[in-house]
Amino acid sequence: MEKETILSQVKMLEFTKKGDLRGNMVIAEGNYDVPFDIKRIFFIYGSSDDVVRGQHANLKTEFVLINVAGTSKVRIMDGKGNEIVHYLNRPYIGLYLPNMLWKEMYDFSEDSVLLVLCSEHYDQTEYIRDFKQYIEIMTGKKGL
């Protein structure tokens, strides 16, 4: 049996949708629809299609990314040569990212609004912003 990798923990979450003549609503509750207690929320908008956001890993924080308007792509790397790309284009679908994955958000549509739910409050000391350092941590090898 193949050993589970950190990338295999990434998953798409489909949230409850409700709608009527007044419009639509999407429901996402912490520790229920989202696999953690939501401690921080932010959103990214006004980024052009040639901008790359993220470019970091986190020691503790887990994320759920939801394109509530427009579209974007998310490249996720495990530091061991494996990567996947997800296309976010539906406001009722979230992408769950566990901690210790390198993430890059890019190819934003003009109307993109990327909502980010976080398991932790912001702490700059738990961010790994240097890709080479991230690779060294994940592989246990220095000087790659």
C-alpha atoms as a PDB file:
ATOM      1  CA  MET A   1       0.000   0.000   0.000  1.00  0.00           C
ATOM      2  CA  GLU A   2       1.336   3.439  -0.952  1.00  0.00           C
ATOM      3  CA  LYS A   3       2.154   5.704   1.958  1.00  0.00           C
ATOM      4  CA  GLU A   4      -0.178   8.694   2.225  1.00  0.00           C
ATOM      5  CA  THR A   5       1.513  11.919   1.150  1.00  0.00           C
ATOM      6  CA  ILE A   6       0.742  15.413   2.320  1.00  0.00           C
ATOM      7  CA  LEU A   7      -0.682  16.172  -1.153  1.00  0.00           C
ATOM      8  CA  SER A   8      -3.256  13.391  -0.686  1.00  0.00           C
ATOM      9  CA  GLN A   9      -4.691  15.413   2.217  1.00  0.00           C
ATOM     10  CA  VAL A  10      -5.669  18.246  -0.158  1.00  0.00           C
ATOM     11  CA  LYS A  11      -9.363  17.987  -0.935  1.00  0.00           C
ATOM     12  CA  MET A  12     -12.184  19.824  -2.592  1.00  0.00           C
ATOM     13  CA  LEU A  13     -15.049  20.732  -0.251  1.00  0.00           C
ATOM     14  CA  GLU A  14     -18.569  21.285  -1.577  1.00  0.00           C
ATOM     15  CA  PHE A  15     -20.576  23.617   0.629  1.00  0.00           C
ATOM     16  CA  THR A  16     -24.330  23.697   1.091  1.00  0.00           C
ATOM     17  CA  LYS A  17     -26.094  25.917  -1.452  1.00  0.00           C
ATOM     18  CA  LYS A  18     -29.518  27.403  -0.908  1.00  0.00           C
ATOM     19  CA  GLY A  19     -31.406  29.613  -3.260  1.00  0.00           C
ATOM     20  CA  ASP A  20     -34.763  30.986  -4.229  1.00  0.00           C
ATOM     21  CA  LEU A  21     -36.156  33.936  -6.170  1.00  0.00           C
ATOM     22  CA  ARG A  22     -34.215  36.313  -3.912  1.00  0.00           C
ATOM     23  CA  GLY A  23     -30.841  34.831  -4.863  1.00  0.00           C
ATOM     24  CA  ASN A  24     -28.357  32.257  -3.654  1.00  0.00           C
ATOM     25  CA  MET A  25     -26.493  31.600  -0.444  1.00  0.00           C
ATOM     26  CA  VAL A  26     -23.544  29.324   0.349  1.00  0.00           C
ATOM     27  CA  ILE A  27     -23.003  28.062   3.907  1.00  0.00           C
ATOM     28  CA  ALA A  28     -19.611  27.093   5.342  1.00  0.00           C
ATOM     29  CA  GLU A  29     -19.322  26.457   9.078  1.00  0.00           C
ATOM     30  CA  GLY A  30     -16.077  25.922  10.974  1.00  0.00           C
ATOM     31  CA  ASN A  31     -15.542  22.426  12.411  1.00  0.00           C
ATOM     32  CA  TYR A  32     -18.412  21.196  10.264  1.00  0.00           C
ATOM     33  CA  ASP A  33     -18.064  22.087   6.565  1.00  0.00           C
ATOM     34  CA  VAL A  34     -14.533  23.380   7.113  1.00  0.00           C
ATOM     35  CA  PRO A  35     -12.252  20.881   8.912  1.00  0.00           C
ATOM     36  CA  PHE A  36     -11.028  23.378  11.516  1.00  0.00           C
ATOM     37  CA  ASP A  37     -12.109  26.247  13.746  1.00  0.00           C
ATOM     38  CA  ILE A  38     -11.952  29.397  11.584  1.00  0.00           C
ATOM     39  CA  LYS A  39      -9.723  31.956  13.288  1.00  0.00           C
ATOM     40  CA  ARG A  40      -8.941  34.317  10.403  1.00  0.00           C
ATOM     41  CA  ILE A  41     -10.574  35.291   7.126  1.00  0.00           C
ATOM     42  CA  PHE A  42      -9.190  37.422   4.318  1.00  0.00           C
ATOM     43  CA  PHE A  43      -9.803  37.803   0.618  1.00  0.00           C
ATOM     44  CA  ILE A  44      -7.680  38.653  -2.400  1.00  0.00           C
ATOM     45  CA  TYR A  45      -9.088  40.775  -5.207  1.00  0.00           C
ATOM     46  CA  GLY A  46      -7.812  43.162  -7.858  1.00  0.00           C
ATOM     47  CA  SER A  47      -4.942  40.853  -8.862  1.00  0.00           C
ATOM     48  CA  SER A  48      -4.229  40.571 -12.565  1.00  0.00           C
ATOM     49  CA  ASP A  49      -3.662  37.334 -14.441  1.00  0.00           C
ATOM     50  CA  ASP A  50       0.140  37.774 -14.365  1.00  0.00           C
ATOM     51  CA  VAL A  51       0.369  38.134 -10.559  1.00  0.00           C
ATOM     52  CA  VAL A  52       1.416  35.215  -8.335  1.00  0.00           C
ATOM     53  CA  ARG A  53       0.210  35.370  -4.714  1.00  0.00           C
ATOM     54  CA  GLY A  54       1.051  33.138  -1.780  1.00  0.00           C
ATOM     55  CA  GLN A  55       4.474  31.668  -2.509  1.00  0.00           C
ATOM     56  CA  HIS A  56       4.856  30.283   1.000  1.00  0.00           C
ATOM     57  CA  ALA A  57       4.206  27.345   3.296  1.00  0.00           C
ATOM     58  CA  ASN A  58       2.971  27.453   6.878  1.00  0.00           C
ATOM     59  CA  LEU A  59       4.187  25.474   9.852  1.00  0.00           C
ATOM     60  CA  LYS A  60       0.761  25.386  11.560  1.00  0.00           C
ATOM     61  CA  THR A  61      -1.963  27.092   9.531  1.00  0.00           C
ATOM     62  CA  GLU A  62      -4.471  25.122   7.451  1.00  0.00           C
ATOM     63  CA  PHE A  63      -6.439  26.929   4.730  1.00  0.00           C
ATOM     64  CA  VAL A  64      -9.622  26.680   2.703  1.00  0.00           C
ATOM     65  CA  LEU A  65      -9.600  28.745  -0.515  1.00  0.00           C
ATOM     66  CA  ILE A  66     -12.884  29.681  -2.206  1.00  0.00           C
ATOM     67  CA  ASN A  67     -13.193  31.757  -5.373  1.00  0.00           C
ATOM     68  CA  VAL A  68     -16.446  33.476  -4.456  1.00  0.00           C
ATOM     69  CA  ALA A  69     -16.308  35.440  -7.731  1.00  0.00           C
ATOM     70  CA  GLY A  70     -14.344  34.879 -10.915  1.00  0.00           C
ATOM     71  CA  THR A  71     -11.609  32.290 -11.231  1.00  0.00           C
ATOM     72  CA  SER A  72      -8.048  31.515 -10.194  1.00  0.00           C
ATOM     73  CA  LYS A  73      -5.597  28.625 -10.112  1.00  0.00           C
ATOM     74  CA  VAL A  74      -3.743  27.208  -7.125  1.00  0.00           C
ATOM     75  CA  ARG A  75      -0.445  25.355  -7.523  1.00  0.00           C
ATOM     76  CA  ILE A  76       0.388  23.184  -4.517  1.00  0.00           C
ATOM     77  CA  MET A  77       3.784  21.544  -3.957  1.00  0.00           C
ATOM     78  CA  ASP A  78       4.956  19.105  -1.287  1.00  0.00           C
ATOM     79  CA  GLY A  79       8.680  19.936  -1.432  1.00  0.00           C
ATOM     80  CA  LYS A  80       9.515  16.456  -2.721  1.00  0.00           C
ATOM     81  CA  GLY A  81       8.942  17.083  -6.417  1.00  0.00           C
ATOM     82  CA  ASN A  82       5.167  16.495  -6.441  1.00  0.00           C
ATOM     83  CA  GLU A  83       2.693  19.186  -7.399  1.00  0.00           C
ATOM     84  CA  ILE A  84      -0.936  19.602  -8.339  1.00  0.00           C
ATOM     85  CA  VAL A  85      -2.888  22.507  -9.792  1.00  0.00           C
ATOM     86  CA  HIS A  86      -6.524  23.216  -8.971  1.00  0.00           C
ATOM     87  CA  TYR A  87      -8.787  25.543 -10.928  1.00  0.00           C
ATOM     88  CA  LEU A  88     -11.220  27.392  -8.652  1.00  0.00           C
ATOM     89  CA  ASN A  89     -14.307  28.624 -10.485  1.00  0.00           C
ATOM     90  CA  ARG A  90     -17.385  27.918  -8.329  1.00  0.00           C
ATOM     91  CA  PRO A  91     -18.374  29.905  -5.222  1.00  0.00           C
ATOM     92  CA  TYR A  92     -19.674  26.798  -3.440  1.00  0.00           C
ATOM     93  CA  ILE A  93     -16.427  24.794  -3.735  1.00  0.00           C
ATOM     94  CA  GLY A  94     -13.500  25.229  -1.359  1.00  0.00           C
ATOM     95  CA  LEU A  95      -9.998  23.833  -1.619  1.00  0.00           C
ATOM     96  CA  TYR A  96      -8.671  22.489   1.701  1.00  0.00           C
ATOM     97  CA  LEU A  97      -4.903  22.812   2.193  1.00  0.00           C
ATOM     98  CA  PRO A  98      -3.213  21.270   5.249  1.00  0.00           C
ATOM     99  CA  ASN A  99      -0.159  22.920   6.766  1.00  0.00           C
ATOM    100  CA  MET A 100       3.350  22.464   5.313  1.00  0.00           C
ATOM    101  CA  LEU A 101       2.348  22.686   1.654  1.00  0.00           C
ATOM    102  CA  TRP A 102       3.831  25.328  -0.646  1.00  0.00           C
ATOM    103  CA  LYS A 103       1.039  27.282  -2.298  1.00  0.00           C
ATOM    104  CA  GLU A 104       0.885  29.719  -5.200  1.00  0.00           C
ATOM    105  CA  MET A 105      -2.313  31.392  -6.372  1.00  0.00           C
ATOM    106  CA  TYR A 106      -2.256  32.808  -9.908  1.00  0.00           C
ATOM    107  CA  ASP A 107      -4.090  33.346 -13.212  1.00  0.00           C
ATOM    108  CA  PHE A 108      -6.744  35.517 -11.553  1.00  0.00           C
ATOM    109  CA  SER A 109      -9.665  36.577 -13.719  1.00  0.00           C
ATOM    110  CA  GLU A 110     -10.405  40.308 -13.723  1.00  0.00           C
ATOM    111  CA  ASP A 111     -13.397  39.766 -11.411  1.00  0.00           C
ATOM    112  CA  SER A 112     -11.695  37.244  -9.105  1.00  0.00           C
ATOM    113  CA  VAL A 113     -12.367  37.392  -5.375  1.00  0.00           C
ATOM    114  CA  LEU A 114     -10.483  34.619  -3.573  1.00  0.00           C
ATOM    115  CA  LEU A 115     -11.767  34.090  -0.022  1.00  0.00           C
ATOM    116  CA  VAL A 116      -9.314  32.423   2.377  1.00  0.00           C
ATOM    117  CA  LEU A 117     -10.339  30.758   5.658  1.00  0.00           C
ATOM    118  CA  CYS A 118      -7.504  30.068   8.120  1.00  0.00           C
ATOM    119  CA  SER A 119      -7.146  27.790  11.136  1.00  0.00           C
ATOM    120  CA  GLU A 120      -4.768  30.180  12.940  1.00  0.00           C
ATOM    121  CA  HIS A 121      -4.399  33.875  13.630  1.00  0.00           C
ATOM    122  CA  TYR A 122      -1.669  35.578  11.592  1.00  0.00           C
ATOM    123  CA  ASP A 123       1.835  34.872  12.922  1.00  0.00           C
ATOM    124  CA  GLN A 124       4.663  35.801  10.582  1.00  0.00           C
ATOM    125  CA  THR A 125       7.068  33.446  12.382  1.00  0.00           C
ATOM    126  CA  GLU A 126       5.206  30.357  11.128  1.00  0.00           C
ATOM    127  CA  TYR A 127       5.553  31.328   7.460  1.00  0.00           C
ATOM    128  CA  ILE A 128       8.239  29.750   5.280  1.00  0.00           C
ATOM    129  CA  ARG A 129       8.741  32.231   2.439  1.00  0.00           C
ATOM    130  CA  ASP A 130      11.956  30.870   0.919  1.00  0.00           C
ATOM    131  CA  PHE A 131      11.318  27.938  -1.434  1.00  0.00           C
ATOM    132  CA  LYS A 132      14.848  26.559  -1.057  1.00  0.00           C
ATOM    133  CA  GLN A 133      14.462  26.527   2.737  1.00  0.00           C
ATOM    134  CA  TYR A 134      11.082  24.809   2.347  1.00  0.00           C
ATOM    135  CA  ILE A 135      12.635  22.067   0.165  1.00  0.00           C
ATOM    136  CA  GLU A 136      15.395  21.551   2.739  1.00  0.00           C
ATOM    137  CA  ILE A 137      12.832  21.201   5.542  1.00  0.00           C
ATOM    138  CA  MET A 138      10.656  18.766   3.603  1.00  0.00           C
ATOM    139  CA  THR A 139      13.495  16.572   2.311  1.00  0.00           C
ATOM    140  CA  GLY A 140      15.874  16.896   5.253  1.00  0.00           C
ATOM    141  CA  LYS A 141      18.642  17.727   2.763  1.00  0.00           C
ATOM    142  CA  LYS A 142      20.607  20.974   2.784  1.00  0.00           C
ATOM    143  CA  GLY A 143      22.279  22.595  -0.198  1.00  0.00           C
ATOM    144  CA  LEU A 144      19.961  21.366  -2.935  1.00  0.00           C
END
